[in-house]
Protein backbone atom coordinates (compact mmCIF):
# COMPACT_ATOMS: atom_id res chain seq x y z
CA MET A 1 -8.03 -24.75 4.59
CA ALA A 2 -10.41 -22.01 3.56
CA GLY A 3 -10.77 -18.74 1.81
CA ILE A 4 -12.75 -15.54 2.14
CA TYR A 5 -13.59 -13.40 -0.96
CA LEU A 6 -14.74 -9.63 -0.40
CA HIS A 7 -16.79 -8.22 -3.33
CA ILE A 8 -16.31 -4.40 -3.21
CA PRO A 9 -19.45 -3.04 -5.43
CA PHE A 10 -17.84 0.14 -6.35
CA CYS A 11 -16.47 1.74 -9.76
CA LYS A 12 -15.90 5.12 -10.29
CA SER A 13 -16.76 4.47 -13.54
CA ARG A 14 -18.17 1.44 -15.01
CA CYS A 15 -16.54 -0.15 -18.06
CA ILE A 16 -18.46 -0.80 -21.48
CA TYR A 17 -17.85 -4.66 -21.14
CA CYS A 18 -18.48 -5.35 -17.32
CA ASP A 19 -21.40 -7.15 -16.24
CA PHE A 20 -20.06 -7.80 -12.55
CA TYR A 21 -22.17 -6.43 -10.09
CA SER A 22 -21.31 -2.73 -9.32
CA GLN A 23 -22.02 0.92 -8.87
CA THR A 24 -20.64 4.27 -9.22
CA ASP A 25 -22.37 6.21 -6.38
CA GLU A 26 -19.73 5.77 -3.92
CA THR A 27 -21.67 7.38 -0.99
CA PRO A 28 -22.89 4.23 0.95
CA ILE A 29 -18.87 2.76 1.36
CA ASP A 30 -18.87 3.90 5.38
CA LYS A 31 -22.09 1.72 5.82
CA PHE A 32 -21.12 -0.99 3.35
CA THR A 33 -17.76 -1.56 5.21
CA GLU A 34 -19.85 -1.86 8.32
CA ALA A 35 -22.09 -4.14 6.89
CA VAL A 36 -19.31 -6.69 5.97
CA CYS A 37 -18.00 -6.49 9.23
CA ARG A 38 -21.35 -7.47 10.65
CA GLU A 39 -21.69 -10.05 7.72
CA VAL A 40 -18.57 -11.74 8.91
CA ARG A 41 -19.72 -12.43 12.51
CA LEU A 42 -22.96 -13.43 11.07
CA ARG A 43 -21.45 -16.08 9.06
CA LYS A 44 -18.77 -17.12 10.59
CA GLN A 45 -19.82 -20.41 11.83
CA MET A 46 -19.45 -21.41 8.19
CA LEU A 47 -15.64 -21.41 8.26
CA ALA A 48 -15.38 -22.84 12.19
CA ASN A 49 -12.46 -24.76 12.76
CA GLU A 50 -10.93 -23.88 9.30
CA THR A 51 -7.81 -22.21 8.69
CA VAL A 52 -8.22 -19.32 6.71
CA ARG A 53 -5.04 -19.31 4.01
CA THR A 54 -6.22 -16.73 1.52
CA VAL A 55 -8.06 -13.66 1.17
CA TYR A 56 -9.30 -11.79 -2.28
CA PHE A 57 -10.75 -8.44 -2.14
CA GLY A 58 -12.62 -8.42 -5.76
CA GLY A 59 -15.39 -6.36 -7.46
CA GLY A 60 -15.89 -3.81 -8.65
CA THR A 61 -13.06 -1.97 -7.77
CA PRO A 62 -11.57 -2.57 -4.29
CA SER A 63 -8.82 -0.19 -4.53
CA ARG A 64 -11.91 2.42 -4.09
CA LEU A 65 -11.43 1.86 -0.38
CA GLN A 66 -9.63 3.92 1.85
CA GLN A 67 -7.42 3.17 4.85
CA LYS A 68 -9.96 3.11 7.45
CA HIS A 69 -12.36 0.98 5.25
CA LEU A 70 -9.72 -1.43 4.78
CA GLU A 71 -8.11 -1.39 8.63
CA LYS A 72 -11.88 -2.12 9.88
CA ILE A 73 -12.28 -4.82 7.55
CA PHE A 74 -8.85 -6.36 8.90
CA ASP A 75 -9.76 -6.28 12.10
CA THR A 76 -12.78 -7.89 12.14
CA LEU A 77 -11.40 -10.95 10.19
CA TYR A 78 -8.35 -11.52 12.29
CA ALA A 79 -10.59 -10.95 15.38
CA GLU A 80 -13.05 -13.86 13.87
CA PHE A 81 -11.14 -16.29 12.09
CA SER A 82 -8.19 -17.95 12.46
CA MET A 83 -5.45 -16.38 10.35
CA ASP A 84 -1.86 -17.62 11.68
CA ASN A 85 -1.57 -19.45 8.43
CA LEU A 86 -2.40 -16.79 6.12
CA VAL A 87 -0.25 -16.90 2.86
CA GLU A 88 -1.96 -15.00 0.45
CA VAL A 89 -3.80 -11.37 0.66
CA THR A 90 -5.03 -9.82 -2.74
CA LEU A 91 -6.11 -6.60 -3.90
CA GLU A 92 -7.85 -5.78 -7.15
CA ALA A 93 -6.88 -2.37 -8.28
CA ASN A 94 -7.19 0.15 -11.17
CA PRO A 95 -4.00 1.74 -12.30
CA ASP A 96 -5.71 5.34 -11.57
CA ASP A 97 -6.17 4.48 -7.80
CA LEU A 98 -2.64 3.12 -7.30
CA SER A 99 -0.84 6.40 -6.33
CA PRO A 100 2.37 6.31 -4.00
CA ALA A 101 0.61 7.22 -0.98
CA TYR A 102 -1.95 4.56 -1.60
CA ILE A 103 0.40 1.77 -2.50
CA GLY A 104 2.42 2.81 0.75
CA MET A 105 -0.73 2.48 2.92
CA LEU A 106 -1.55 -0.97 1.32
CA ARG A 107 2.43 -1.87 2.21
CA ARG A 108 0.94 -1.02 6.16
CA LEU A 109 -1.76 -3.81 5.35
CA PRO A 110 -1.72 -7.51 5.37
CA PHE A 111 -1.34 -7.22 1.57
CA ASN A 112 1.26 -9.00 -0.32
CA ARG A 113 -0.40 -9.62 -3.77
CA ILE A 114 -1.77 -6.86 -6.09
CA SER A 115 -3.74 -7.52 -9.05
CA ILE A 116 -3.97 -4.80 -11.51
CA GLY A 117 -6.55 -4.63 -14.10
CA ILE A 118 -4.84 -2.80 -16.92
CA GLN A 119 -6.60 -4.84 -19.90
CA SER A 120 -4.34 -3.33 -22.48
CA PHE A 121 -1.20 -1.11 -23.12
CA ASN A 122 -2.73 0.28 -26.38
CA ASP A 123 -4.60 3.78 -25.50
CA ASP A 124 -6.90 3.54 -28.45
CA GLU A 125 -7.88 0.00 -26.69
CA LEU A 126 -8.53 1.33 -23.46
CA LYS A 127 -10.42 4.42 -24.74
CA PHE A 128 -12.87 1.85 -26.29
CA LEU A 129 -13.09 -0.29 -23.54
CA GLY A 130 -14.10 2.73 -21.20
CA ARG A 131 -10.86 2.14 -19.07
CA ARG A 132 -9.97 5.45 -16.74
CA HIS A 133 -6.36 4.87 -17.12
CA SER A 134 -3.54 5.53 -19.90
CA SER A 135 -0.68 2.70 -21.08
CA GLN A 136 1.07 5.18 -19.59
CA ASP A 137 -0.65 5.28 -16.20
CA ALA A 138 -0.62 1.30 -16.13
CA VAL A 139 3.31 1.01 -16.63
CA LYS A 140 3.64 3.49 -13.32
CA ALA A 141 1.37 1.72 -11.27
CA VAL A 142 2.96 -1.23 -12.22
CA LYS A 143 6.45 0.18 -11.78
CA ASN A 144 5.48 2.24 -8.51
CA CYS A 145 4.26 -1.08 -6.92
CA GLN A 146 7.69 -2.59 -7.49
CA GLN A 147 9.69 0.55 -6.11
CA MET A 148 7.47 0.31 -2.95
CA GLY A 149 8.23 -3.35 -2.03
CA PHE A 150 5.34 -5.21 -3.94
CA GLU A 151 6.89 -8.15 -5.64
CA ASN A 152 3.85 -10.66 -5.98
CA ILE A 153 1.65 -8.39 -8.71
CA SER A 154 -0.57 -9.62 -11.36
CA ILE A 155 -1.97 -8.05 -14.22
CA ASP A 156 -5.15 -8.52 -16.31
CA LEU A 157 -5.19 -8.18 -19.74
CA MET A 158 -8.08 -8.84 -22.81
CA TYR A 159 -7.81 -9.72 -26.34
CA GLY A 160 -10.24 -10.47 -29.09
CA LEU A 161 -11.16 -6.54 -29.19
CA PRO A 162 -13.30 -5.88 -32.38
CA ASP A 163 -10.46 -3.99 -34.10
CA GLN A 164 -7.43 -5.77 -32.51
CA THR A 165 -4.62 -7.32 -34.85
CA PRO A 166 -1.98 -9.84 -33.86
CA GLU A 167 0.68 -6.94 -34.04
CA ILE A 168 -1.57 -4.94 -31.57
CA TRP A 169 -1.92 -7.95 -29.44
CA GLN A 170 1.99 -9.00 -29.53
CA LYS A 171 2.92 -5.48 -28.85
CA ASN A 172 0.61 -5.80 -25.45
CA LEU A 173 2.10 -9.10 -24.55
CA GLN A 174 5.51 -7.84 -25.14
CA ARG A 175 5.15 -4.87 -22.79
CA ALA A 176 3.81 -7.08 -19.95
CA VAL A 177 6.66 -9.44 -20.05
CA SER A 178 8.88 -6.26 -19.90
CA LEU A 179 7.56 -5.52 -16.92
CA ASP A 180 8.64 -8.28 -14.60
CA VAL A 181 5.31 -8.91 -13.47
CA ARG A 182 4.86 -12.41 -11.89
CA HIS A 183 1.48 -13.25 -12.98
CA ILE A 184 -0.96 -12.30 -15.93
CA SER A 185 -4.54 -13.37 -16.44
CA ALA A 186 -5.86 -13.00 -20.14
CA TYR A 187 -9.46 -13.00 -20.78
CA HIS A 188 -11.18 -12.93 -24.44
CA LEU A 189 -13.67 -10.29 -24.84
CA THR A 190 -17.00 -11.24 -24.11
CA TYR A 191 -20.31 -9.92 -24.92
CA GLU A 192 -22.54 -10.25 -22.00
CA GLU A 193 -26.17 -9.16 -22.04
CA ASN A 194 -27.23 -5.90 -20.36
CA THR A 195 -23.74 -4.15 -20.87
CA PRO A 196 -22.95 -1.13 -23.47
CA LEU A 197 -20.78 -3.23 -25.31
CA TYR A 198 -23.78 -5.97 -26.33
CA GLY A 199 -26.02 -3.02 -27.38
CA LEU A 200 -23.09 -1.89 -29.77
CA LEU A 201 -22.96 -5.31 -30.62
CA GLN A 202 -26.87 -5.60 -31.45
CA LYS A 203 -26.78 -2.49 -33.38
CA GLY A 204 -24.11 -3.61 -35.72
CA LYS A 205 -21.64 -1.05 -34.76
CA ILE A 206 -19.10 -3.54 -34.03
CA CYS A 207 -18.15 -6.82 -34.93
CA PRO A 208 -16.73 -9.76 -32.79
CA VAL A 209 -13.79 -11.14 -33.97
CA ASP A 210 -13.34 -14.41 -36.13
CA GLU A 211 -12.92 -18.05 -34.84
CA GLU A 212 -9.58 -18.15 -37.01
CA ARG A 213 -8.31 -14.72 -35.29
CA SER A 214 -9.23 -15.82 -31.68
CA SER A 215 -7.08 -18.75 -32.38
CA THR A 216 -3.92 -16.56 -33.60
CA LEU A 217 -4.51 -14.25 -31.04
CA PHE A 218 -4.64 -17.40 -28.03
CA THR A 219 -1.50 -18.80 -30.15
CA LEU A 220 0.45 -15.72 -29.59
CA LEU A 221 -0.63 -15.36 -25.91
CA ILE A 222 0.66 -18.93 -25.20
CA ASP A 223 4.13 -18.73 -27.17
CA THR A 224 5.05 -14.78 -26.38
CA LEU A 225 4.39 -15.85 -22.15
CA ALA A 226 6.21 -19.11 -22.29
CA GLU A 227 9.23 -17.45 -23.91
CA GLY A 228 8.79 -15.13 -21.15
CA GLY A 229 9.20 -17.80 -18.26
CA PHE A 230 5.56 -17.96 -17.70
CA ILE A 231 3.99 -21.41 -17.01
CA HIS A 232 0.35 -21.86 -18.47
CA TYR A 233 -1.00 -23.18 -15.09
CA GLU A 234 -4.84 -22.46 -15.90
CA ILE A 235 -6.56 -21.92 -19.34
CA SER A 236 -6.71 -18.12 -18.72
CA ASN A 237 -3.87 -17.78 -16.40
CA PHE A 238 0.20 -17.88 -16.44
CA ALA A 239 2.76 -17.30 -13.38
CA LYS A 240 6.52 -17.26 -13.20
CA PRO A 241 7.52 -20.58 -10.80
CA GLY A 242 6.02 -20.06 -7.30
CA TYR A 243 3.71 -17.55 -8.23
CA PHE A 244 0.35 -19.15 -9.09
CA SER A 245 -2.64 -17.86 -7.40
CA ARG A 246 -3.32 -19.45 -4.33
CA HIS A 247 -6.79 -18.09 -3.94
CA ASN A 248 -7.77 -18.87 -7.41
CA SER A 249 -6.59 -22.28 -7.08
CA SER A 250 -8.03 -23.09 -3.93
CA TYR A 251 -11.50 -22.64 -6.02
CA TRP A 252 -10.35 -24.84 -8.60
CA LYS A 253 -9.59 -27.78 -5.99
CA GLY A 254 -12.54 -27.64 -4.45
CA ASP A 255 -11.42 -25.59 -0.95
CA LYS A 256 -14.25 -24.05 0.96
CA TYR A 257 -14.82 -20.19 0.82
CA LEU A 258 -16.67 -17.50 2.31
CA GLY A 259 -18.45 -14.98 -0.01
CA LEU A 260 -18.63 -11.51 1.46
CA GLY A 261 -20.69 -8.34 -0.01
CA PRO A 262 -23.70 -8.39 -2.73
CA SER A 263 -23.36 -10.78 -5.15
CA ALA A 264 -20.44 -13.08 -3.28
CA HIS A 265 -20.84 -16.45 -3.86
CA SER A 266 -19.71 -19.26 -0.88
CA PHE A 267 -18.98 -22.86 -0.89
CA ASP A 268 -18.94 -25.06 2.21
CA GLY A 269 -18.35 -28.20 0.60
CA ASN A 270 -21.62 -29.37 0.09
CA LYS A 271 -23.66 -26.36 -1.02
CA ARG A 272 -23.15 -23.05 -2.92
CA SER A 273 -24.61 -19.88 -1.74
CA TRP A 274 -24.79 -16.39 -3.22
CA ASN A 275 -25.57 -13.17 -1.74
CA THR A 276 -28.25 -10.55 -3.50
CA ALA A 277 -26.83 -8.60 -6.32
CA SER A 278 -28.28 -5.46 -4.98
CA LEU A 279 -26.76 -3.06 -2.52
CA THR A 280 -29.39 -1.49 -1.29
CA ASP A 281 -31.08 -5.27 -0.13
CA TYR A 282 -28.01 -6.56 1.05
CA LEU A 283 -27.68 -3.54 3.45
CA ASN A 284 -30.98 -3.93 4.69
CA GLY A 285 -30.61 -7.92 5.04
CA VAL A 286 -27.33 -7.44 7.17
CA PHE A 287 -28.50 -4.73 9.39
CA SER A 288 -31.68 -6.20 10.05
CA GLY A 289 -30.13 -9.75 10.91
CA ASN A 290 -31.95 -11.41 7.90
CA LEU A 291 -29.25 -11.84 5.32
CA SER A 292 -30.45 -11.85 1.73
CA TYR A 293 -28.93 -14.91 -0.16
CA GLU A 294 -29.67 -18.02 -2.12
CA THR A 295 -28.61 -21.70 -1.64
CA GLU A 296 -27.87 -24.32 -3.87
CA HIS A 297 -27.36 -28.09 -2.41
CA LEU A 298 -24.90 -29.72 -4.93
CA THR A 299 -26.06 -33.30 -6.27
CA LEU A 300 -23.39 -36.02 -7.12
CA TYR A 301 -23.79 -35.16 -10.86
CA ARG A 302 -23.36 -31.47 -10.39
CA HIS A 303 -20.05 -32.25 -7.79
CA TYR A 304 -18.93 -34.32 -10.83
CA ASN A 305 -19.46 -31.52 -13.60
CA GLU A 306 -17.89 -28.88 -11.47
CA PHE A 307 -14.66 -31.53 -10.81
CA ILE A 308 -14.34 -31.89 -14.62
CA LEU A 309 -14.86 -28.18 -15.40
CA THR A 310 -12.55 -26.63 -13.03
CA ARG A 311 -9.75 -29.89 -12.81
CA LEU A 312 -9.55 -30.05 -16.81
CA ARG A 313 -8.75 -26.32 -17.16
CA THR A 314 -5.72 -26.77 -14.82
CA ARG A 315 -2.21 -28.08 -16.25
CA GLU A 316 -2.58 -30.83 -13.48
CA GLY A 317 -5.62 -32.02 -15.00
CA ILE A 318 -8.21 -34.74 -13.58
CA ASP A 319 -6.70 -37.43 -11.22
CA THR A 320 -9.11 -40.36 -12.51
CA LEU A 321 -8.51 -42.33 -9.39
CA GLU A 322 -9.41 -38.80 -7.15
CA LEU A 323 -12.52 -39.09 -9.58
CA LYS A 324 -13.46 -42.57 -8.76
CA GLU A 325 -12.97 -42.63 -5.43
CA ARG A 326 -14.92 -39.42 -4.94
CA PHE A 327 -17.86 -39.96 -7.57
CA GLY A 328 -17.91 -44.02 -8.10
CA GLU A 329 -17.30 -46.20 -10.59
CA SER A 330 -19.79 -45.33 -12.67
CA LEU A 331 -18.73 -41.89 -13.27
CA TYR A 332 -15.43 -42.85 -13.25
CA ARG A 333 -16.03 -45.36 -16.15
CA TYR A 334 -18.36 -42.51 -18.15
CA CYS A 335 -15.63 -40.04 -18.09
CA LEU A 336 -12.91 -42.51 -19.37
CA LYS A 337 -15.51 -43.62 -22.05
CA GLY A 338 -15.82 -40.00 -23.17
CA ALA A 339 -12.46 -39.35 -22.86
CA GLN A 340 -11.21 -41.94 -25.93
CA LYS A 341 -12.23 -40.13 -28.74
CA PHE A 342 -10.37 -37.06 -27.54
CA ILE A 343 -7.03 -39.18 -26.60
CA ALA A 344 -7.09 -40.61 -29.95
CA GLU A 345 -7.20 -36.95 -31.83
CA ASN A 346 -4.14 -35.63 -29.39
CA LEU A 347 -6.89 -33.46 -27.59
CA LEU A 348 -6.46 -35.00 -24.06
CA ASN A 349 -3.10 -37.04 -22.96
CA PHE A 350 -3.69 -39.81 -20.61
CA GLN A 351 -0.79 -40.83 -18.40
CA ASN A 352 -0.39 -42.45 -14.86
CA ASN A 353 -3.95 -42.01 -14.16
CA ILE A 354 -4.17 -38.21 -14.92
CA LEU A 355 -6.15 -36.82 -17.78
CA LYS A 356 -5.41 -33.27 -19.16
CA LEU A 357 -5.71 -31.29 -22.11
CA THR A 358 -2.89 -31.26 -24.86
CA ARG A 359 -1.57 -27.76 -26.46
CA LYS A 360 -4.24 -28.72 -29.28
CA GLY A 361 -7.10 -29.49 -27.05
CA ILE A 362 -6.50 -26.18 -25.13
CA PHE A 363 -7.99 -24.68 -28.07
CA ILE A 364 -11.41 -26.32 -27.94
CA SER A 365 -11.24 -26.97 -24.18
CA ASP A 366 -14.93 -26.11 -23.64
CA GLY A 367 -16.27 -28.35 -26.01
CA ILE A 368 -14.06 -31.29 -24.97
CA ILE A 369 -15.38 -30.44 -21.12
CA SER A 370 -19.05 -30.38 -22.03
CA GLU A 371 -18.73 -34.00 -23.44
CA LEU A 372 -17.29 -35.35 -20.33
CA MET A 373 -20.00 -33.56 -18.32
CA GLN A 374 -22.91 -35.64 -17.03
CA VAL A 375 -26.81 -34.60 -17.27
CA ASP A 376 -28.29 -34.47 -13.79
CA THR A 377 -31.36 -36.80 -13.62
CA ASN A 378 -32.64 -35.35 -10.91
CA GLU A 379 -33.22 -32.16 -12.61
């Protein structure tokens, strides 16, 4: 089984925190669409004999694509891949792009899941983040999608903003729960270099929240969504039963996936590759038949470290018998030895050969994961 990810590198405007590759000049959209279709034909052998189960349009802002662009891409995907067992097709969208006409168009295409980048239901926070929509726009977008037949709706929220109080965050969460969406992804604000947000930080114009405030906000997140019927199935992801993101879950399980478009990543089971993060170079490479990308072959230790990282973030945790089978006795013992102190401190639970984070451990998951990783001696 495999997945396909398409990176759509266009945004109407840039948010101050975003470091994903995108541009606001939408002039090349037609040419980009043709290039993606050509890339499919150039790279289809990567998924030879694989059944595609999920397709994900990310970005950027995929909802900047119009019907003719989406139809062309789907026609190409269906012509080149085995899509008979497709179960999930997601489009990331901004609320202000989701007019009733646009939603109606999406309903006529294979999309069965919409991921809406809301970030906040507080207008002051939205203005600070540089979002184009208002809280009212966000609510209207969700309700319009529901009324027009989209049941599987995910929304993105952001916490840890400089002036965000627990009261503001609680109201954001309660508003999200009241909308009866099926999935919520919640991310702590990060200060990425080369973003306007990072510039404000460096100039001393904003201050990040402290560790105690972050912990309080994360606790509110977990408790409020649990009360709302959501399952905390990955550190940043919550879903109603039956609505886990299948595409993202396939990443965490190590399934193959093909990434299309500039800066998109791919994985064939043994090596990773990533396209150039330049639309100009991407277009030139595709149309010349000389794709511009880099490749990394994963060593045993890198495979092991990714296994630890992705599995421990999920509620299923690490199947240590699978770890032993895939990576050998030495790394199996290394993992269990490193886990002992965390088990003793009730940060990890180990039962029936499954190693997973406890509620307490989730709060310091990065440190635990780091401790269980192994230094690659080949580097």
